[in-house]
């Protein structure tokens, strides 16, 4: 069975990927593999591009996707896709309020996982796949509408079988 791997660097900790994993399991029905890299993000500044180079070297043949959660200060890029790897920059959406941080992390992870599996935009104003530009917009959205959730599950199943 293909799995979703969720990992984070030291400055994010282990609790954020665990929170994200619970939502991935609920929506996709796959049990994610959760880990935390006990090291700072690579590179002097830890930019998206530097971490993307590391992402290219990772091999998870049974992975449906690998979500790598990072907090990159001063880097406003949200994500980077490379093969099955999805780099999620939590920095623009970081909050000292742990409950809010977990909620935003779950939404960002689900949104980027869905995008990496080919799910397009949604026209429903409350659906996560309708898009967002800032944390306050993300906070007002729900998760996936029923049609987007069905489509995401179908995409994941079709990719699992390949």
N, C-alpha and C. Protein backbone atom coordinates (compact mmCIF):
# COMPACT_ATOMS: atom_id res chain seq x y z
N UNK A 1 0.83 -1.19 0.00
CA UNK A 1 0.00 0.00 0.00
C UNK A 1 0.87 1.25 0.00
N UNK A 2 0.54 2.21 -0.83
CA UNK A 2 1.27 3.47 -0.89
C UNK A 2 0.93 4.31 0.33
N UNK A 3 1.91 5.08 0.80
CA UNK A 3 1.71 5.89 1.99
C UNK A 3 2.03 7.34 1.71
N UNK A 4 1.52 8.19 2.56
CA UNK A 4 1.90 9.60 2.57
C UNK A 4 2.90 9.75 3.71
N UNK A 5 4.07 10.25 3.39
CA UNK A 5 5.10 10.51 4.39
C UNK A 5 5.04 11.99 4.76
N UNK A 6 5.04 12.29 6.04
CA UNK A 6 5.03 13.68 6.50
C UNK A 6 6.19 13.85 7.46
N UNK A 7 7.07 14.77 7.14
CA UNK A 7 8.24 15.00 7.98
C UNK A 7 8.43 16.50 8.18
N UNK A 8 9.22 16.84 9.21
CA UNK A 8 9.49 18.25 9.48
C UNK A 8 10.91 18.41 9.98
N UNK A 9 11.41 19.64 9.87
CA UNK A 9 12.70 19.96 10.45
C UNK A 9 12.51 20.41 11.89
N UNK A 10 13.62 20.50 12.61
CA UNK A 10 13.64 20.80 14.04
C UNK A 10 12.83 22.04 14.42
N UNK A 11 12.90 23.10 13.63
CA UNK A 11 12.20 24.33 14.03
C UNK A 11 10.68 24.23 13.90
N UNK A 12 10.17 23.16 13.33
CA UNK A 12 8.73 22.93 13.25
C UNK A 12 8.31 21.96 14.35
N UNK A 13 9.14 20.97 14.66
CA UNK A 13 8.81 20.00 15.69
C UNK A 13 7.99 18.85 15.17
N UNK A 14 7.62 17.93 16.04
CA UNK A 14 6.90 16.71 15.65
C UNK A 14 5.39 16.87 15.76
N UNK A 15 4.91 17.78 16.59
CA UNK A 15 3.47 17.88 16.82
C UNK A 15 2.72 18.40 15.59
N UNK A 16 3.34 19.24 14.79
CA UNK A 16 2.69 19.77 13.59
C UNK A 16 2.46 18.65 12.56
N UNK A 17 3.49 17.83 12.23
CA UNK A 17 3.21 16.75 11.28
C UNK A 17 2.18 15.73 11.80
N UNK A 18 2.15 15.52 13.11
CA UNK A 18 1.14 14.61 13.68
C UNK A 18 -0.25 15.19 13.44
N UNK A 19 -0.41 16.49 13.66
CA UNK A 19 -1.70 17.14 13.42
C UNK A 19 -2.10 17.04 11.95
N UNK A 20 -1.13 17.25 11.05
CA UNK A 20 -1.40 17.15 9.62
C UNK A 20 -1.76 15.72 9.23
N UNK A 21 -1.05 14.78 9.82
CA UNK A 21 -1.29 13.37 9.51
C UNK A 21 -2.69 12.91 9.85
N UNK A 22 -3.24 13.43 10.93
CA UNK A 22 -4.59 13.03 11.32
C UNK A 22 -5.60 13.47 10.26
N UNK A 23 -5.40 14.64 9.67
CA UNK A 23 -6.32 15.12 8.63
C UNK A 23 -6.14 14.34 7.34
N UNK A 24 -4.90 14.02 6.99
CA UNK A 24 -4.63 13.23 5.79
C UNK A 24 -5.30 11.86 5.91
N UNK A 25 -5.18 11.26 7.08
CA UNK A 25 -5.81 9.95 7.30
C UNK A 25 -7.33 10.04 7.19
N UNK A 26 -7.90 11.09 7.78
CA UNK A 26 -9.35 11.27 7.75
C UNK A 26 -9.86 11.44 6.32
N UNK A 27 -9.17 12.24 5.51
CA UNK A 27 -9.64 12.54 4.17
C UNK A 27 -9.31 11.44 3.16
N UNK A 28 -8.06 10.97 3.18
CA UNK A 28 -7.63 9.99 2.17
C UNK A 28 -7.80 8.54 2.60
N UNK A 29 -7.92 8.32 3.90
CA UNK A 29 -8.05 6.95 4.37
C UNK A 29 -6.75 6.17 4.36
N UNK A 30 -5.61 6.88 4.27
CA UNK A 30 -4.30 6.23 4.34
C UNK A 30 -3.61 6.67 5.61
N UNK A 31 -2.94 5.74 6.26
CA UNK A 31 -2.22 6.07 7.48
C UNK A 31 -0.87 6.66 7.09
N UNK A 32 -0.62 7.91 7.44
CA UNK A 32 0.65 8.53 7.06
C UNK A 32 1.80 8.06 7.96
N UNK A 33 2.98 8.13 7.41
CA UNK A 33 4.19 7.87 8.18
C UNK A 33 4.71 9.23 8.62
N UNK A 34 4.86 9.42 9.93
CA UNK A 34 5.23 10.72 10.50
C UNK A 34 6.65 10.68 11.05
N UNK A 35 7.43 11.72 10.77
CA UNK A 35 8.76 11.81 11.35
C UNK A 35 9.18 13.26 11.49
N UNK A 36 10.25 13.48 12.22
CA UNK A 36 10.82 14.81 12.36
C UNK A 36 12.33 14.68 12.23
N UNK A 37 12.92 15.48 11.36
CA UNK A 37 14.36 15.47 11.16
C UNK A 37 14.97 16.30 12.28
N UNK A 38 15.82 15.69 13.08
CA UNK A 38 16.40 16.37 14.23
C UNK A 38 17.60 17.21 13.80
N UNK A 39 17.33 18.15 12.91
CA UNK A 39 18.37 19.03 12.39
C UNK A 39 17.70 20.30 11.88
N UNK A 40 18.44 21.38 11.82
CA UNK A 40 17.86 22.59 11.22
C UNK A 40 17.70 22.40 9.72
N UNK A 41 16.91 23.24 9.11
CA UNK A 41 16.75 23.19 7.67
C UNK A 41 18.11 23.38 7.01
N UNK A 42 18.39 22.68 5.91
CA UNK A 42 19.71 22.76 5.28
C UNK A 42 19.99 24.13 4.68
N UNK A 43 21.27 24.39 4.47
CA UNK A 43 21.69 25.65 3.86
C UNK A 43 21.83 26.74 4.90
N UNK A 44 22.62 27.74 4.59
CA UNK A 44 22.83 28.84 5.54
C UNK A 44 21.52 29.54 5.85
N UNK A 45 20.74 29.82 4.83
CA UNK A 45 19.49 30.53 5.03
C UNK A 45 18.32 29.56 5.03
N UNK A 46 18.54 28.35 4.52
CA UNK A 46 17.46 27.38 4.45
C UNK A 46 16.38 27.82 3.48
N UNK A 47 16.76 28.23 2.27
CA UNK A 47 15.78 28.71 1.31
C UNK A 47 15.01 27.54 0.70
N UNK A 48 13.88 27.85 0.11
CA UNK A 48 13.07 26.85 -0.58
C UNK A 48 13.92 26.11 -1.60
N UNK A 49 14.72 26.83 -2.38
CA UNK A 49 15.52 26.20 -3.43
C UNK A 49 16.59 25.27 -2.85
N UNK A 50 17.21 25.64 -1.74
CA UNK A 50 18.22 24.78 -1.11
C UNK A 50 17.58 23.50 -0.59
N UNK A 51 16.44 23.64 0.05
CA UNK A 51 15.76 22.46 0.58
C UNK A 51 15.21 21.60 -0.56
N UNK A 52 14.80 22.23 -1.65
CA UNK A 52 14.32 21.49 -2.81
C UNK A 52 15.42 20.58 -3.36
N UNK A 53 16.67 21.05 -3.31
CA UNK A 53 17.78 20.22 -3.76
C UNK A 53 17.90 18.96 -2.89
N UNK A 54 17.69 19.10 -1.59
CA UNK A 54 17.70 17.94 -0.69
C UNK A 54 16.52 17.03 -1.02
N UNK A 55 15.37 17.63 -1.25
CA UNK A 55 14.16 16.87 -1.57
C UNK A 55 14.35 15.98 -2.79
N UNK A 56 15.10 16.47 -3.78
CA UNK A 56 15.36 15.70 -5.00
C UNK A 56 16.15 14.42 -4.72
N UNK A 57 16.95 14.41 -3.65
CA UNK A 57 17.80 13.26 -3.35
C UNK A 57 17.07 12.17 -2.56
N UNK A 58 15.90 12.49 -2.02
CA UNK A 58 15.18 11.52 -1.20
C UNK A 58 14.45 10.52 -2.07
N UNK A 59 14.45 9.28 -1.65
CA UNK A 59 13.79 8.23 -2.42
C UNK A 59 12.81 7.48 -1.52
N UNK A 60 11.55 7.55 -1.87
CA UNK A 60 10.50 6.82 -1.16
C UNK A 60 9.67 6.11 -2.23
N UNK A 61 10.12 4.93 -2.70
CA UNK A 61 9.45 4.29 -3.83
C UNK A 61 7.98 3.96 -3.57
N UNK A 62 7.61 3.68 -2.34
CA UNK A 62 6.22 3.34 -2.05
C UNK A 62 5.39 4.56 -1.66
N UNK A 63 5.97 5.73 -1.76
CA UNK A 63 5.26 6.94 -1.32
C UNK A 63 4.23 7.39 -2.35
N UNK A 64 3.06 7.71 -1.86
CA UNK A 64 2.08 8.42 -2.67
C UNK A 64 2.56 9.86 -2.79
N UNK A 65 2.95 10.45 -1.65
CA UNK A 65 3.56 11.78 -1.59
C UNK A 65 4.41 11.89 -0.32
N UNK A 66 5.40 12.77 -0.38
CA UNK A 66 6.21 13.13 0.79
C UNK A 66 5.97 14.61 1.05
N UNK A 67 5.41 14.93 2.21
CA UNK A 67 5.21 16.32 2.61
C UNK A 67 6.33 16.67 3.57
N UNK A 68 7.08 17.70 3.25
CA UNK A 68 8.17 18.15 4.11
C UNK A 68 7.79 19.52 4.65
N UNK A 69 7.54 19.60 5.96
CA UNK A 69 7.10 20.84 6.59
C UNK A 69 8.29 21.62 7.11
N UNK A 70 8.39 22.87 6.71
CA UNK A 70 9.51 23.71 7.13
C UNK A 70 8.99 25.08 7.55
N UNK A 71 9.81 25.79 8.30
CA UNK A 71 9.53 27.18 8.66
C UNK A 71 10.74 27.98 8.22
N UNK A 72 10.60 28.71 7.12
CA UNK A 72 11.71 29.46 6.54
C UNK A 72 11.48 30.94 6.72
N UNK A 73 12.13 31.50 7.72
CA UNK A 73 11.99 32.93 7.99
C UNK A 73 12.46 33.75 6.79
N UNK A 74 11.69 34.74 6.43
CA UNK A 74 12.08 35.63 5.34
C UNK A 74 11.83 35.08 3.96
N UNK A 75 11.34 33.85 3.85
CA UNK A 75 11.05 33.24 2.55
C UNK A 75 9.54 33.10 2.45
N UNK A 76 8.92 33.90 1.60
CA UNK A 76 7.46 33.92 1.52
C UNK A 76 6.89 32.91 0.52
N UNK A 77 7.77 32.17 -0.16
CA UNK A 77 7.26 31.14 -1.06
C UNK A 77 6.55 30.09 -0.23
N UNK A 78 5.39 29.67 -0.68
CA UNK A 78 4.58 28.73 0.09
C UNK A 78 4.98 27.29 -0.13
N UNK A 79 5.32 26.94 -1.38
CA UNK A 79 5.55 25.52 -1.64
C UNK A 79 6.48 25.30 -2.83
N UNK A 80 6.88 24.04 -2.94
CA UNK A 80 7.70 23.61 -4.06
C UNK A 80 7.36 22.15 -4.30
N UNK A 81 7.13 21.77 -5.55
CA UNK A 81 6.85 20.39 -5.90
C UNK A 81 8.02 19.81 -6.67
N UNK A 82 8.41 18.61 -6.34
CA UNK A 82 9.46 17.90 -7.08
C UNK A 82 9.10 16.43 -7.07
N UNK A 83 8.66 15.92 -8.20
CA UNK A 83 8.25 14.52 -8.26
C UNK A 83 7.14 14.27 -7.26
N UNK A 84 7.40 13.37 -6.33
CA UNK A 84 6.40 13.06 -5.30
C UNK A 84 6.60 13.91 -4.05
N UNK A 85 7.59 14.79 -4.08
CA UNK A 85 7.88 15.62 -2.91
C UNK A 85 7.13 16.94 -2.95
N UNK A 86 6.61 17.32 -1.80
CA UNK A 86 5.92 18.59 -1.65
C UNK A 86 6.53 19.30 -0.45
N UNK A 87 7.13 20.44 -0.69
CA UNK A 87 7.73 21.23 0.37
C UNK A 87 6.70 22.27 0.80
N UNK A 88 6.37 22.29 2.09
CA UNK A 88 5.35 23.19 2.63
C UNK A 88 6.03 24.18 3.57
N UNK A 89 6.06 25.45 3.19
CA UNK A 89 6.66 26.49 4.03
C UNK A 89 5.57 27.07 4.94
N UNK A 90 5.67 26.80 6.23
CA UNK A 90 4.67 27.27 7.18
C UNK A 90 4.91 28.71 7.66
N UNK A 91 6.07 29.27 7.34
CA UNK A 91 6.45 30.57 7.88
C UNK A 91 5.41 31.68 7.66
N UNK A 92 4.86 31.85 6.45
CA UNK A 92 3.89 32.93 6.27
C UNK A 92 2.60 32.73 7.07
N UNK A 93 2.38 31.52 7.56
CA UNK A 93 1.14 31.19 8.27
C UNK A 93 1.38 30.80 9.73
N UNK A 94 2.60 31.04 10.21
CA UNK A 94 2.99 30.64 11.57
C UNK A 94 2.19 31.42 12.60
N UNK A 95 1.89 30.79 13.73
CA UNK A 95 1.18 31.45 14.82
C UNK A 95 1.69 30.92 16.15
N UNK A 96 1.84 31.77 17.15
CA UNK A 96 2.22 31.29 18.48
C UNK A 96 1.07 30.52 19.16
N UNK A 97 -0.14 30.71 18.65
CA UNK A 97 -1.30 29.97 19.14
C UNK A 97 -1.26 28.56 18.53
N UNK A 98 -0.96 27.57 19.35
CA UNK A 98 -0.75 26.21 18.84
C UNK A 98 -1.97 25.65 18.12
N UNK A 99 -3.16 25.88 18.64
CA UNK A 99 -4.37 25.36 17.99
C UNK A 99 -4.53 25.96 16.60
N UNK A 100 -4.28 27.25 16.48
CA UNK A 100 -4.38 27.92 15.19
C UNK A 100 -3.28 27.43 14.23
N UNK A 101 -2.08 27.26 14.75
CA UNK A 101 -0.98 26.73 13.94
C UNK A 101 -1.32 25.34 13.40
N UNK A 102 -1.86 24.46 14.25
CA UNK A 102 -2.23 23.11 13.81
C UNK A 102 -3.31 23.18 12.73
N UNK A 103 -4.31 24.03 12.93
CA UNK A 103 -5.40 24.14 11.95
C UNK A 103 -4.87 24.64 10.61
N UNK A 104 -4.03 25.67 10.64
CA UNK A 104 -3.46 26.19 9.39
C UNK A 104 -2.56 25.15 8.72
N UNK A 105 -1.77 24.44 9.50
CA UNK A 105 -0.87 23.42 8.96
C UNK A 105 -1.65 22.30 8.30
N UNK A 106 -2.74 21.87 8.93
CA UNK A 106 -3.59 20.83 8.32
C UNK A 106 -4.15 21.32 6.99
N UNK A 107 -4.64 22.54 6.97
CA UNK A 107 -5.23 23.08 5.74
C UNK A 107 -4.18 23.23 4.64
N UNK A 108 -3.03 23.80 4.98
CA UNK A 108 -1.96 23.96 3.98
C UNK A 108 -1.50 22.62 3.43
N UNK A 109 -1.30 21.67 4.31
CA UNK A 109 -0.84 20.34 3.88
C UNK A 109 -1.86 19.68 2.98
N UNK A 110 -3.12 19.73 3.37
CA UNK A 110 -4.17 19.11 2.55
C UNK A 110 -4.29 19.83 1.20
N UNK A 111 -4.24 21.15 1.23
CA UNK A 111 -4.33 21.93 -0.01
C UNK A 111 -3.18 21.58 -0.97
N UNK A 112 -1.95 21.56 -0.47
CA UNK A 112 -0.80 21.29 -1.33
C UNK A 112 -0.73 19.82 -1.76
N UNK A 113 -1.15 18.92 -0.89
CA UNK A 113 -1.24 17.50 -1.26
C UNK A 113 -2.23 17.35 -2.41
N UNK A 114 -3.39 17.99 -2.28
CA UNK A 114 -4.41 17.93 -3.33
C UNK A 114 -3.89 18.52 -4.65
N UNK A 115 -3.21 19.68 -4.57
CA UNK A 115 -2.65 20.29 -5.77
C UNK A 115 -1.62 19.37 -6.43
N UNK A 116 -0.78 18.73 -5.61
CA UNK A 116 0.25 17.85 -6.16
C UNK A 116 -0.35 16.60 -6.81
N UNK A 117 -1.56 16.23 -6.41
CA UNK A 117 -2.24 15.08 -7.01
C UNK A 117 -3.12 15.49 -8.19
N UNK A 118 -3.08 16.78 -8.54
CA UNK A 118 -3.78 17.23 -9.74
C UNK A 118 -5.15 17.84 -9.51
N UNK A 119 -5.56 18.03 -8.27
CA UNK A 119 -6.87 18.63 -8.01
C UNK A 119 -6.82 20.11 -8.37
N UNK A 120 -7.80 20.55 -9.11
CA UNK A 120 -7.84 21.95 -9.55
C UNK A 120 -8.56 22.85 -8.56
N UNK A 121 -8.86 24.05 -9.01
CA UNK A 121 -9.55 25.03 -8.16
C UNK A 121 -11.03 24.71 -8.07
N UNK A 122 -11.63 25.18 -6.99
CA UNK A 122 -13.06 24.98 -6.74
C UNK A 122 -13.74 26.34 -6.74
N UNK A 123 -14.98 26.37 -7.16
CA UNK A 123 -15.73 27.63 -7.20
C UNK A 123 -16.51 27.89 -5.91
N UNK A 124 -16.56 26.91 -5.01
CA UNK A 124 -17.30 27.10 -3.75
C UNK A 124 -16.48 27.98 -2.81
N UNK A 125 -17.10 29.01 -2.29
CA UNK A 125 -16.39 30.01 -1.50
C UNK A 125 -15.85 29.49 -0.17
N UNK A 126 -16.41 28.40 0.34
CA UNK A 126 -15.95 27.88 1.63
C UNK A 126 -14.96 26.73 1.49
N UNK A 127 -14.74 26.26 0.26
CA UNK A 127 -13.84 25.12 0.02
C UNK A 127 -12.39 25.58 0.01
N UNK A 128 -11.55 24.80 0.62
CA UNK A 128 -10.12 25.07 0.67
C UNK A 128 -9.51 25.20 -0.72
N UNK A 129 -10.04 24.45 -1.68
CA UNK A 129 -9.49 24.47 -3.03
C UNK A 129 -9.89 25.71 -3.82
N UNK A 130 -10.67 26.60 -3.20
CA UNK A 130 -10.98 27.88 -3.82
C UNK A 130 -9.78 28.82 -3.79
N UNK A 131 -8.81 28.50 -2.94
CA UNK A 131 -7.58 29.28 -2.85
C UNK A 131 -7.63 30.35 -1.77
N UNK A 132 -6.47 30.90 -1.47
CA UNK A 132 -6.31 31.91 -0.43
C UNK A 132 -4.99 32.62 -0.67
N UNK A 133 -4.87 33.83 -0.17
CA UNK A 133 -3.63 34.60 -0.34
C UNK A 133 -2.95 34.91 0.98
N UNK A 134 -3.69 34.86 2.07
CA UNK A 134 -3.12 35.23 3.37
C UNK A 134 -3.73 34.36 4.46
N UNK A 135 -3.10 34.39 5.62
CA UNK A 135 -3.55 33.54 6.73
C UNK A 135 -4.98 33.85 7.14
N UNK A 136 -5.38 35.13 7.13
CA UNK A 136 -6.75 35.45 7.55
C UNK A 136 -7.77 34.84 6.57
N UNK A 137 -7.42 34.74 5.28
CA UNK A 137 -8.30 34.08 4.32
C UNK A 137 -8.35 32.58 4.57
N UNK A 138 -7.20 31.99 4.86
CA UNK A 138 -7.14 30.55 5.16
C UNK A 138 -7.98 30.23 6.39
N UNK A 139 -7.94 31.11 7.39
CA UNK A 139 -8.67 30.89 8.63
C UNK A 139 -10.19 30.86 8.42
N UNK A 140 -10.67 31.53 7.38
CA UNK A 140 -12.12 31.58 7.15
C UNK A 140 -12.64 30.39 6.33
N UNK A 141 -11.73 29.64 5.72
CA UNK A 141 -12.14 28.52 4.88
C UNK A 141 -12.35 27.25 5.69
N UNK A 142 -13.21 26.40 5.15
CA UNK A 142 -13.35 25.06 5.72
C UNK A 142 -12.27 24.17 5.11
N UNK A 143 -12.53 22.87 5.11
CA UNK A 143 -11.61 21.95 4.44
C UNK A 143 -12.11 21.76 3.02
N UNK A 144 -12.28 20.57 2.57
CA UNK A 144 -12.72 20.32 1.20
C UNK A 144 -14.23 20.15 1.14
N UNK A 145 -14.84 20.69 0.09
CA UNK A 145 -16.26 20.42 -0.13
C UNK A 145 -16.39 18.94 -0.53
N UNK A 146 -17.58 18.42 -0.53
CA UNK A 146 -17.77 16.99 -0.79
C UNK A 146 -17.29 16.58 -2.19
N UNK A 147 -17.49 17.44 -3.19
CA UNK A 147 -17.04 17.05 -4.54
C UNK A 147 -15.52 17.06 -4.65
N UNK A 148 -14.85 18.03 -4.01
CA UNK A 148 -13.38 18.05 -4.03
C UNK A 148 -12.81 16.87 -3.24
N UNK A 149 -13.44 16.53 -2.13
CA UNK A 149 -12.96 15.38 -1.35
C UNK A 149 -13.09 14.09 -2.15
N UNK A 150 -14.22 13.91 -2.85
CA UNK A 150 -14.40 12.72 -3.71
C UNK A 150 -13.34 12.68 -4.81
N UNK A 151 -13.11 13.83 -5.45
CA UNK A 151 -12.13 13.89 -6.53
C UNK A 151 -10.72 13.60 -6.02
N UNK A 152 -10.38 14.13 -4.84
CA UNK A 152 -9.06 13.89 -4.27
C UNK A 152 -8.87 12.40 -3.96
N UNK A 153 -9.86 11.77 -3.38
CA UNK A 153 -9.78 10.33 -3.10
C UNK A 153 -9.61 9.54 -4.39
N UNK A 154 -10.34 9.92 -5.42
CA UNK A 154 -10.22 9.23 -6.71
C UNK A 154 -8.82 9.41 -7.30
N UNK A 155 -8.27 10.63 -7.20
CA UNK A 155 -6.91 10.89 -7.69
C UNK A 155 -5.90 10.04 -6.93
N UNK A 156 -6.05 9.98 -5.61
CA UNK A 156 -5.12 9.21 -4.78
C UNK A 156 -5.20 7.73 -5.11
N UNK A 157 -6.42 7.23 -5.31
CA UNK A 157 -6.60 5.80 -5.64
C UNK A 157 -5.99 5.50 -6.99
N UNK A 158 -6.23 6.36 -7.98
CA UNK A 158 -5.68 6.09 -9.32
C UNK A 158 -4.15 6.15 -9.28
N UNK A 159 -3.59 7.04 -8.47
CA UNK A 159 -2.13 7.11 -8.38
C UNK A 159 -1.56 5.93 -7.59
N UNK A 160 -2.31 5.45 -6.60
CA UNK A 160 -1.86 4.29 -5.81
C UNK A 160 -1.72 3.07 -6.69
N UNK A 161 -2.61 2.95 -7.68
CA UNK A 161 -2.60 1.74 -8.50
C UNK A 161 -1.55 1.77 -9.61
N UNK A 162 -0.90 2.92 -9.81
CA UNK A 162 0.12 2.97 -10.87
C UNK A 162 1.48 2.58 -10.34
